[in-house]
């Protein structure tokens, strides 16, 4: 069975604070952010809404994509989210079904 890796973006609200991360277990990782069990930026700024994610089969590709997105201007990140999720709805329920 092939491993999946995810690059994800969380938001505090539409147009609010953003967080870009990478993980091999998207459900677990987003749950940790939502529960506040991850110290740092997401807990400080109440960033809990999963608004975007991509799936990769190779960890090095996921890590490189995360690094690229993190270095983008905020407007580019917002456009990426809006293209895939125009209303910035929380995708967490969709990944847990």
PDB file of N, CA and C in Angstrom:
ATOM      1  N   UNK A   1       0.840  -1.170   0.000  1.00  0.00           N
ATOM      2  CA  UNK A   1       0.000   0.000   0.000  1.00  0.00           C
ATOM      3  C   UNK A   1       0.891   1.242   0.000  1.00  0.00           C
ATOM      4  N   UNK A   2       0.596   2.156  -0.911  1.00  0.00           N
ATOM      5  CA  UNK A   2       1.397   3.373  -1.041  1.00  0.00           C
ATOM      6  C   UNK A   2       1.018   4.387   0.030  1.00  0.00           C
ATOM      7  N   UNK A   3       2.006   5.089   0.512  1.00  0.00           N
ATOM      8  CA  UNK A   3       1.796   6.122   1.523  1.00  0.00           C
ATOM      9  C   UNK A   3       1.349   7.399   0.833  1.00  0.00           C
ATOM     10  N   UNK A   4       0.473   8.156   1.478  1.00  0.00           N
ATOM     11  CA  UNK A   4       0.045   9.452   0.955  1.00  0.00           C
ATOM     12  C   UNK A   4       0.577  10.547   1.873  1.00  0.00           C
ATOM     13  N   UNK A   5       0.914  11.657   1.279  1.00  0.00           N
ATOM     14  CA  UNK A   5       1.411  12.826   2.003  1.00  0.00           C
ATOM     15  C   UNK A   5       0.576  14.023   1.570  1.00  0.00           C
ATOM     16  N   UNK A   6       0.387  14.953   2.469  1.00  0.00           N
ATOM     17  CA  UNK A   6      -0.513  16.066   2.219  1.00  0.00           C
ATOM     18  C   UNK A   6       0.137  17.397   2.541  1.00  0.00           C
ATOM     19  N   UNK A   7      -0.093  18.357   1.676  1.00  0.00           N
ATOM     20  CA  UNK A   7       0.198  19.754   1.961  1.00  0.00           C
ATOM     21  C   UNK A   7      -1.165  20.374   2.214  1.00  0.00           C
ATOM     22  N   UNK A   8      -1.280  21.121   3.301  1.00  0.00           N
ATOM     23  CA  UNK A   8      -2.586  21.659   3.656  1.00  0.00           C
ATOM     24  C   UNK A   8      -2.466  23.112   4.086  1.00  0.00           C
ATOM     25  N   UNK A   9      -3.591  23.815   3.962  1.00  0.00           N
ATOM     26  CA  UNK A   9      -3.662  25.198   4.419  1.00  0.00           C
ATOM     27  C   UNK A   9      -4.851  25.314   5.355  1.00  0.00           C
ATOM     28  N   UNK A  10      -4.576  25.884   6.524  1.00  0.00           N
ATOM     29  CA  UNK A  10      -5.612  26.197   7.503  1.00  0.00           C
ATOM     30  C   UNK A  10      -5.789  27.710   7.530  1.00  0.00           C
ATOM     31  N   UNK A  11      -7.017  28.148   7.871  1.00  0.00           N
ATOM     32  CA  UNK A  11      -7.299  29.579   7.984  1.00  0.00           C
ATOM     33  C   UNK A  11      -8.065  29.849   9.273  1.00  0.00           C
ATOM     34  N   UNK A  12      -7.900  31.046   9.801  1.00  0.00           N
ATOM     35  CA  UNK A  12      -8.665  31.440  10.989  1.00  0.00           C
ATOM     36  C   UNK A  12     -10.071  31.858  10.589  1.00  0.00           C
ATOM     37  N   UNK A  13     -10.210  32.381   9.380  1.00  0.00           N
ATOM     38  CA  UNK A  13     -11.487  32.797   8.795  1.00  0.00           C
ATOM     39  C   UNK A  13     -11.191  33.151   7.345  1.00  0.00           C
ATOM     40  N   UNK A  14     -12.217  33.338   6.495  1.00  0.00           N
ATOM     41  CA  UNK A  14     -11.927  33.763   5.119  1.00  0.00           C
ATOM     42  C   UNK A  14     -11.136  35.067   5.123  1.00  0.00           C
ATOM     43  N   UNK A  15     -10.006  35.047   4.473  1.00  0.00           N
ATOM     44  CA  UNK A  15      -9.139  36.215   4.421  1.00  0.00           C
ATOM     45  C   UNK A  15      -8.329  36.450   5.686  1.00  0.00           C
ATOM     46  N   UNK A  16      -8.418  35.524   6.653  1.00  0.00           N
ATOM     47  CA  UNK A  16      -7.720  35.681   7.928  1.00  0.00           C
ATOM     48  C   UNK A  16      -6.318  35.101   7.898  1.00  0.00           C
ATOM     49  N   UNK A  17      -5.818  34.807   9.094  1.00  0.00           N
ATOM     50  CA  UNK A  17      -4.475  34.238   9.240  1.00  0.00           C
ATOM     51  C   UNK A  17      -4.427  32.851   8.594  1.00  0.00           C
ATOM     52  N   UNK A  18      -3.277  32.524   8.005  1.00  0.00           N
ATOM     53  CA  UNK A  18      -3.086  31.243   7.315  1.00  0.00           C
ATOM     54  C   UNK A  18      -1.944  30.455   7.925  1.00  0.00           C
ATOM     55  N   UNK A  19      -2.028  29.133   7.750  1.00  0.00           N
ATOM     56  CA  UNK A  19      -0.950  28.237   8.144  1.00  0.00           C
ATOM     57  C   UNK A  19      -0.801  27.191   7.056  1.00  0.00           C
ATOM     58  N   UNK A  20       0.415  26.946   6.607  1.00  0.00           N
ATOM     59  CA  UNK A  20       0.710  25.924   5.598  1.00  0.00           C
ATOM     60  C   UNK A  20       1.527  24.834   6.267  1.00  0.00           C
ATOM     61  N   UNK A  21       1.113  23.575   6.087  1.00  0.00           N
ATOM     62  CA  UNK A  21       1.822  22.464   6.699  1.00  0.00           C
ATOM     63  C   UNK A  21       1.881  21.253   5.789  1.00  0.00           C
ATOM     64  N   UNK A  22       2.609  20.235   6.246  1.00  0.00           N
ATOM     65  CA  UNK A  22       2.728  18.971   5.523  1.00  0.00           C
ATOM     66  C   UNK A  22       2.589  17.844   6.539  1.00  0.00           C
ATOM     67  N   UNK A  23       1.951  16.749   6.125  1.00  0.00           N
ATOM     68  CA  UNK A  23       1.734  15.621   7.025  1.00  0.00           C
ATOM     69  C   UNK A  23       1.492  14.348   6.219  1.00  0.00           C
ATOM     70  N   UNK A  24       1.594  13.203   6.916  1.00  0.00           N
ATOM     71  CA  UNK A  24       1.234  11.939   6.283  1.00  0.00           C
ATOM     72  C   UNK A  24      -0.119  11.433   6.792  1.00  0.00           C
ATOM     73  N   UNK A  25      -0.746  12.195   7.699  1.00  0.00           N
ATOM     74  CA  UNK A  25      -2.061  11.834   8.238  1.00  0.00           C
ATOM     75  C   UNK A  25      -2.867  13.119   8.399  1.00  0.00           C
ATOM     76  N   UNK A  26      -3.584  13.482   7.358  1.00  0.00           N
ATOM     77  CA  UNK A  26      -4.277  14.769   7.328  1.00  0.00           C
ATOM     78  C   UNK A  26      -5.363  14.867   8.394  1.00  0.00           C
ATOM     79  N   UNK A  27      -6.144  13.823   8.578  1.00  0.00           N
ATOM     80  CA  UNK A  27      -7.218  13.855   9.568  1.00  0.00           C
ATOM     81  C   UNK A  27      -6.649  14.081  10.969  1.00  0.00           C
ATOM     82  N   UNK A  28      -5.646  13.299  11.334  1.00  0.00           N
ATOM     83  CA  UNK A  28      -5.033  13.440  12.659  1.00  0.00           C
ATOM     84  C   UNK A  28      -4.450  14.832  12.854  1.00  0.00           C
ATOM     85  N   UNK A  29      -3.721  15.308  11.866  1.00  0.00           N
ATOM     86  CA  UNK A  29      -3.019  16.586  12.007  1.00  0.00           C
ATOM     87  C   UNK A  29      -3.998  17.751  12.128  1.00  0.00           C
ATOM     88  N   UNK A  30      -5.032  17.757  11.303  1.00  0.00           N
ATOM     89  CA  UNK A  30      -6.017  18.836  11.388  1.00  0.00           C
ATOM     90  C   UNK A  30      -6.753  18.753  12.727  1.00  0.00           C
ATOM     91  N   UNK A  31      -7.056  17.548  13.176  1.00  0.00           N
ATOM     92  CA  UNK A  31      -7.687  17.367  14.485  1.00  0.00           C
ATOM     93  C   UNK A  31      -6.814  17.976  15.587  1.00  0.00           C
ATOM     94  N   UNK A  32      -5.516  17.735  15.529  1.00  0.00           N
ATOM     95  CA  UNK A  32      -4.604  18.306  16.520  1.00  0.00           C
ATOM     96  C   UNK A  32      -4.661  19.833  16.514  1.00  0.00           C
ATOM     97  N   UNK A  33      -4.687  20.423  15.333  1.00  0.00           N
ATOM     98  CA  UNK A  33      -4.785  21.877  15.237  1.00  0.00           C
ATOM     99  C   UNK A  33      -6.120  22.360  15.809  1.00  0.00           C
ATOM    100  N   UNK A  34      -7.199  21.680  15.462  1.00  0.00           N
ATOM    101  CA  UNK A  34      -8.538  22.081  15.922  1.00  0.00           C
ATOM    102  C   UNK A  34      -8.671  22.006  17.443  1.00  0.00           C
ATOM    103  N   UNK A  35      -8.015  21.019  18.037  1.00  0.00           N
ATOM    104  CA  UNK A  35      -8.090  20.834  19.481  1.00  0.00           C
ATOM    105  C   UNK A  35      -7.117  21.733  20.250  1.00  0.00           C
ATOM    106  N   UNK A  36      -6.220  22.390  19.520  1.00  0.00           N
ATOM    107  CA  UNK A  36      -5.251  23.263  20.157  1.00  0.00           C
ATOM    108  C   UNK A  36      -4.100  22.518  20.804  1.00  0.00           C
ATOM    109  N   UNK A  37      -3.906  21.259  20.425  1.00  0.00           N
ATOM    110  CA  UNK A  37      -2.834  20.466  21.027  1.00  0.00           C
ATOM    111  C   UNK A  37      -1.481  20.721  20.377  1.00  0.00           C
ATOM    112  N   UNK A  38      -1.468  21.552  19.340  1.00  0.00           N
ATOM    113  CA  UNK A  38      -0.227  21.913  18.661  1.00  0.00           C
ATOM    114  C   UNK A  38       0.136  23.332  19.091  1.00  0.00           C
ATOM    115  N   UNK A  39       1.188  23.459  19.878  1.00  0.00           N
ATOM    116  CA  UNK A  39       1.620  24.790  20.326  1.00  0.00           C
ATOM    117  C   UNK A  39       2.173  25.569  19.141  1.00  0.00           C
ATOM    118  N   UNK A  40       1.972  26.864  19.156  1.00  0.00           N
ATOM    119  CA  UNK A  40       2.561  27.700  18.123  1.00  0.00           C
ATOM    120  C   UNK A  40       1.547  28.570  17.398  1.00  0.00           C
ATOM    121  N   UNK A  41       1.859  28.851  16.152  1.00  0.00           N
ATOM    122  CA  UNK A  41       1.112  29.802  15.322  1.00  0.00           C
ATOM    123  C   UNK A  41      -0.380  29.481  15.252  1.00  0.00           C
ATOM    124  N   UNK A  42      -0.739  28.229  15.028  1.00  0.00           N
ATOM    125  CA  UNK A  42      -2.157  27.897  14.856  1.00  0.00           C
ATOM    126  C   UNK A  42      -2.940  28.093  16.151  1.00  0.00           C
ATOM    127  N   UNK A  43      -2.363  27.747  17.264  1.00  0.00           N
ATOM    128  CA  UNK A  43      -3.067  27.930  18.538  1.00  0.00           C
ATOM    129  C   UNK A  43      -3.124  29.412  18.912  1.00  0.00           C
ATOM    130  N   UNK A  44      -2.028  30.120  18.716  1.00  0.00           N
ATOM    131  CA  UNK A  44      -1.973  31.549  19.043  1.00  0.00           C
ATOM    132  C   UNK A  44      -3.013  32.353  18.267  1.00  0.00           C
ATOM    133  N   UNK A  45      -3.171  32.055  16.982  1.00  0.00           N
ATOM    134  CA  UNK A  45      -4.061  32.835  16.127  1.00  0.00           C
ATOM    135  C   UNK A  45      -5.385  32.128  15.824  1.00  0.00           C
ATOM    136  N   UNK A  46      -5.695  31.069  16.568  1.00  0.00           N
ATOM    137  CA  UNK A  46      -6.959  30.343  16.429  1.00  0.00           C
ATOM    138  C   UNK A  46      -7.210  29.903  14.976  1.00  0.00           C
ATOM    139  N   UNK A  47      -6.205  29.301  14.378  1.00  0.00           N
ATOM    140  CA  UNK A  47      -6.279  28.858  12.983  1.00  0.00           C
ATOM    141  C   UNK A  47      -6.679  27.381  12.989  1.00  0.00           C
ATOM    142  N   UNK A  48      -7.941  27.109  12.625  1.00  0.00           N
ATOM    143  CA  UNK A  48      -8.482  25.750  12.756  1.00  0.00           C
ATOM    144  C   UNK A  48      -9.230  25.238  11.534  1.00  0.00           C
ATOM    145  N   UNK A  49      -9.476  26.066  10.559  1.00  0.00           N
ATOM    146  CA  UNK A  49     -10.318  25.691   9.425  1.00  0.00           C
ATOM    147  C   UNK A  49      -9.475  25.180   8.263  1.00  0.00           C
ATOM    148  N   UNK A  50      -9.689  23.920   7.886  1.00  0.00           N
ATOM    149  CA  UNK A  50      -8.995  23.343   6.728  1.00  0.00           C
ATOM    150  C   UNK A  50      -9.658  23.879   5.466  1.00  0.00           C
ATOM    151  N   UNK A  51      -8.930  24.691   4.703  1.00  0.00           N
ATOM    152  CA  UNK A  51      -9.508  25.310   3.515  1.00  0.00           C
ATOM    153  C   UNK A  51      -8.904  24.799   2.205  1.00  0.00           C
ATOM    154  N   UNK A  52      -7.793  24.045   2.296  1.00  0.00           N
ATOM    155  CA  UNK A  52      -7.134  23.574   1.073  1.00  0.00           C
ATOM    156  C   UNK A  52      -6.194  22.439   1.419  1.00  0.00           C
ATOM    157  N   UNK A  53      -6.096  21.468   0.505  1.00  0.00           N
ATOM    158  CA  UNK A  53      -5.061  20.443   0.641  1.00  0.00           C
ATOM    159  C   UNK A  53      -4.755  19.823  -0.707  1.00  0.00           C
ATOM    160  N   UNK A  54      -3.559  19.280  -0.828  1.00  0.00           N
ATOM    161  CA  UNK A  54      -3.101  18.542  -2.001  1.00  0.00           C
ATOM    162  C   UNK A  54      -2.523  17.222  -1.517  1.00  0.00           C
ATOM    163  N   UNK A  55      -2.604  16.198  -2.354  1.00  0.00           N
ATOM    164  CA  UNK A  55      -2.099  14.866  -2.014  1.00  0.00           C
ATOM    165  C   UNK A  55      -0.897  14.529  -2.886  1.00  0.00           C
ATOM    166  N   UNK A  56       0.114  13.911  -2.272  1.00  0.00           N
ATOM    167  CA  UNK A  56       1.341  13.506  -2.965  1.00  0.00           C
ATOM    168  C   UNK A  56       1.673  12.073  -2.608  1.00  0.00           C
ATOM    169  N   UNK A  57       2.339  11.394  -3.504  1.00  0.00           N
ATOM    170  CA  UNK A  57       2.767  10.022  -3.219  1.00  0.00           C
ATOM    171  C   UNK A  57       4.204   9.965  -2.711  1.00  0.00           C
ATOM    172  N   UNK A  58       4.940  11.050  -2.860  1.00  0.00           N
ATOM    173  CA  UNK A  58       6.334  11.091  -2.412  1.00  0.00           C
ATOM    174  C   UNK A  58       6.520  12.241  -1.423  1.00  0.00           C
ATOM    175  N   UNK A  59       7.123  11.946  -0.287  1.00  0.00           N
ATOM    176  CA  UNK A  59       7.300  12.956   0.764  1.00  0.00           C
ATOM    177  C   UNK A  59       8.141  14.131   0.288  1.00  0.00           C
ATOM    178  N   UNK A  60       9.164  13.874  -0.507  1.00  0.00           N
ATOM    179  CA  UNK A  60      10.011  14.994  -0.955  1.00  0.00           C
ATOM    180  C   UNK A  60       9.230  15.961  -1.835  1.00  0.00           C
ATOM    181  N   UNK A  61       8.278  15.460  -2.616  1.00  0.00           N
ATOM    182  CA  UNK A  61       7.439  16.348  -3.428  1.00  0.00           C
ATOM    183  C   UNK A  61       6.530  17.195  -2.543  1.00  0.00           C
ATOM    184  N   UNK A  62       5.957  16.580  -1.515  1.00  0.00           N
ATOM    185  CA  UNK A  62       5.084  17.304  -0.590  1.00  0.00           C
ATOM    186  C   UNK A  62       5.862  18.383   0.166  1.00  0.00           C
ATOM    187  N   UNK A  63       7.043  18.038   0.645  1.00  0.00           N
ATOM    188  CA  UNK A  63       7.859  19.006   1.384  1.00  0.00           C
ATOM    189  C   UNK A  63       8.260  20.172   0.486  1.00  0.00           C
ATOM    190  N   UNK A  64       8.636  19.881  -0.753  1.00  0.00           N
ATOM    191  CA  UNK A  64       9.025  20.951  -1.673  1.00  0.00           C
ATOM    192  C   UNK A  64       7.838  21.868  -1.970  1.00  0.00           C
ATOM    193  N   UNK A  65       6.657  21.280  -2.168  1.00  0.00           N
ATOM    194  CA  UNK A  65       5.458  22.083  -2.431  1.00  0.00           C
ATOM    195  C   UNK A  65       5.126  22.965  -1.216  1.00  0.00           C
ATOM    196  N   UNK A  66       5.234  22.401  -0.012  1.00  0.00           N
ATOM    197  CA  UNK A  66       4.990  23.184   1.202  1.00  0.00           C
ATOM    198  C   UNK A  66       5.945  24.376   1.268  1.00  0.00           C
ATOM    199  N   UNK A  67       7.219  24.137   1.026  1.00  0.00           N
ATOM    200  CA  UNK A  67       8.210  25.215   1.058  1.00  0.00           C
ATOM    201  C   UNK A  67       7.884  26.291   0.029  1.00  0.00           C
ATOM    202  N   UNK A  68       7.504  25.855  -1.178  1.00  0.00           N
ATOM    203  CA  UNK A  68       7.161  26.823  -2.225  1.00  0.00           C
ATOM    204  C   UNK A  68       5.981  27.688  -1.802  1.00  0.00           C
ATOM    205  N   UNK A  69       4.908  27.056  -1.335  1.00  0.00           N
ATOM    206  CA  UNK A  69       3.710  27.803  -0.945  1.00  0.00           C
ATOM    207  C   UNK A  69       4.015  28.746   0.212  1.00  0.00           C
ATOM    208  N   UNK A  70       4.791  28.291   1.182  1.00  0.00           N
ATOM    209  CA  UNK A  70       5.128  29.142   2.334  1.00  0.00           C
ATOM    210  C   UNK A  70       5.845  30.420   1.911  1.00  0.00           C
ATOM    211  N   UNK A  71       6.580  30.375   0.822  1.00  0.00           N
ATOM    212  CA  UNK A  71       7.323  31.547   0.367  1.00  0.00           C
ATOM    213  C   UNK A  71       6.519  32.444  -0.568  1.00  0.00           C
ATOM    214  N   UNK A  72       5.326  32.010  -0.943  1.00  0.00           N
ATOM    215  CA  UNK A  72       4.474  32.822  -1.805  1.00  0.00           C
ATOM    216  C   UNK A  72       3.930  34.023  -1.040  1.00  0.00           C
ATOM    217  N   UNK A  73       3.639  35.096  -1.768  1.00  0.00           N
ATOM    218  CA  UNK A  73       2.910  36.210  -1.135  1.00  0.00           C
ATOM    219  C   UNK A  73       1.511  35.745  -0.707  1.00  0.00           C
ATOM    220  N   UNK A  74       0.964  36.403   0.262  1.00  0.00           N
ATOM    221  CA  UNK A  74      -0.355  36.047   0.777  1.00  0.00           C
ATOM    222  C   UNK A  74      -1.426  36.002  -0.325  1.00  0.00           C
ATOM    223  N   UNK A  75      -1.373  36.933  -1.259  1.00  0.00           N
ATOM    224  CA  UNK A  75      -2.363  36.986  -2.345  1.00  0.00           C
ATOM    225  C   UNK A  75      -2.340  35.706  -3.182  1.00  0.00           C
ATOM    226  N   UNK A  76      -1.165  35.124  -3.415  1.00  0.00           N
ATOM    227  CA  UNK A  76      -1.066  33.880  -4.178  1.00  0.00           C
ATOM    228  C   UNK A  76      -1.722  32.734  -3.420  1.00  0.00           C
ATOM    229  N   UNK A  77      -1.482  32.685  -2.105  1.00  0.00           N
ATOM    230  CA  UNK A  77      -2.079  31.632  -1.282  1.00  0.00           C
ATOM    231  C   UNK A  77      -3.599  31.765  -1.287  1.00  0.00           C
ATOM    232  N   UNK A  78      -4.091  32.982  -1.143  1.00  0.00           N
ATOM    233  CA  UNK A  78      -5.534  33.219  -1.145  1.00  0.00           C
ATOM    234  C   UNK A  78      -6.146  32.816  -2.480  1.00  0.00           C
ATOM    235  N   UNK A  79      -5.461  33.108  -3.569  1.00  0.00           N
ATOM    236  CA  UNK A  79      -5.963  32.736  -4.895  1.00  0.00           C
ATOM    237  C   UNK A  79      -5.992  31.218  -5.047  1.00  0.00           C
ATOM    238  N   UNK A  80      -4.973  30.521  -4.555  1.00  0.00           N
ATOM    239  CA  UNK A  80      -4.941  29.059  -4.614  1.00  0.00           C
ATOM    240  C   UNK A  80      -6.143  28.478  -3.867  1.00  0.00           C
ATOM    241  N   UNK A  81      -6.405  29.000  -2.677  1.00  0.00           N
ATOM    242  CA  UNK A  81      -7.541  28.532  -1.885  1.00  0.00           C
ATOM    243  C   UNK A  81      -8.850  28.814  -2.621  1.00  0.00           C
ATOM    244  N   UNK A  82      -9.020  30.032  -3.078  1.00  0.00           N
ATOM    245  CA  UNK A  82     -10.265  30.446  -3.720  1.00  0.00           C
ATOM    246  C   UNK A  82     -10.553  29.660  -4.994  1.00  0.00           C
ATOM    247  N   UNK A  83      -9.527  29.310  -5.751  1.00  0.00           N
ATOM    248  CA  UNK A  83      -9.731  28.536  -6.976  1.00  0.00           C
ATOM    249  C   UNK A  83     -10.302  27.163  -6.680  1.00  0.00           C
ATOM    250  N   UNK A  84      -9.898  26.563  -5.571  1.00  0.00           N
ATOM    251  CA  UNK A  84     -10.360  25.218  -5.218  1.00  0.00           C
ATOM    252  C   UNK A  84     -11.549  25.234  -4.258  1.00  0.00           C
ATOM    253  N   UNK A  85     -11.709  26.318  -3.506  1.00  0.00           N
ATOM    254  CA  UNK A  85     -12.691  26.378  -2.430  1.00  0.00           C
ATOM    255  C   UNK A  85     -13.156  27.836  -2.306  1.00  0.00           C
ATOM    256  N   UNK A  86     -14.004  28.258  -3.229  1.00  0.00           N
ATOM    257  CA  UNK A  86     -14.379  29.674  -3.372  1.00  0.00           C
ATOM    258  C   UNK A  86     -14.945  30.296  -2.101  1.00  0.00           C
ATOM    259  N   UNK A  87     -15.638  29.515  -1.286  1.00  0.00           N
ATOM    260  CA  UNK A  87     -16.255  30.068  -0.072  1.00  0.00           C
ATOM    261  C   UNK A  87     -15.403  29.856   1.173  1.00  0.00           C
ATOM    262  N   UNK A  88     -14.244  29.259   1.013  1.00  0.00           N
ATOM    263  CA  UNK A  88     -13.336  28.965   2.127  1.00  0.00           C
ATOM    264  C   UNK A  88     -14.047  28.109   3.174  1.00  0.00           C
ATOM    265  N   UNK A  89     -14.888  27.171   2.712  1.00  0.00           N
ATOM    266  CA  UNK A  89     -15.600  26.293   3.650  1.00  0.00           C
ATOM    267  C   UNK A  89     -14.613  25.341   4.322  1.00  0.00           C
ATOM    268  N   UNK A  90     -14.988  24.857   5.480  1.00  0.00           N
ATOM    269  CA  UNK A  90     -14.145  23.921   6.230  1.00  0.00           C
ATOM    270  C   UNK A  90     -14.244  22.553   5.570  1.00  0.00           C
ATOM    271  N   UNK A  91     -13.123  22.006   5.138  1.00  0.00           N
ATOM    272  CA  UNK A  91     -13.083  20.720   4.443  1.00  0.00           C
ATOM    273  C   UNK A  91     -12.910  19.533   5.400  1.00  0.00           C
ATOM    274  N   UNK A  92     -12.818  19.816   6.684  1.00  0.00           N
ATOM    275  CA  UNK A  92     -12.553  18.748   7.655  1.00  0.00           C
ATOM    276  C   UNK A  92     -13.606  17.647   7.618  1.00  0.00           C
ATOM    277  N   UNK A  93     -14.870  18.014   7.571  1.00  0.00           N
ATOM    278  CA  UNK A  93     -15.934  16.992   7.523  1.00  0.00           C
ATOM    279  C   UNK A  93     -15.802  16.110   6.291  1.00  0.00           C
ATOM    280  N   UNK A  94     -15.375  16.672   5.177  1.00  0.00           N
ATOM    281  CA  UNK A  94     -15.218  15.898   3.946  1.00  0.00           C
ATOM    282  C   UNK A  94     -14.096  14.868   4.051  1.00  0.00           C
ATOM    283  N   UNK A  95     -13.030  15.179   4.759  1.00  0.00           N
ATOM    284  CA  UNK A  95     -11.917  14.227   4.846  1.00  0.00           C
ATOM    285  C   UNK A  95     -12.142  13.185   5.917  1.00  0.00           C
ATOM    286  N   UNK A  96     -13.103  13.408   6.806  1.00  0.00           N
ATOM    287  CA  UNK A  96     -13.353  12.443   7.893  1.00  0.00           C
ATOM    288  C   UNK A  96     -14.456  11.451   7.542  1.00  0.00           C
ATOM    289  N   UNK A  97     -15.061  11.582   6.382  1.00  0.00           N
ATOM    290  CA  UNK A  97     -16.142  10.664   5.986  1.00  0.00           C
ATOM    291  C   UNK A  97     -15.610   9.473   5.238  1.00  0.00           C
TER     292      UNK A  97
END
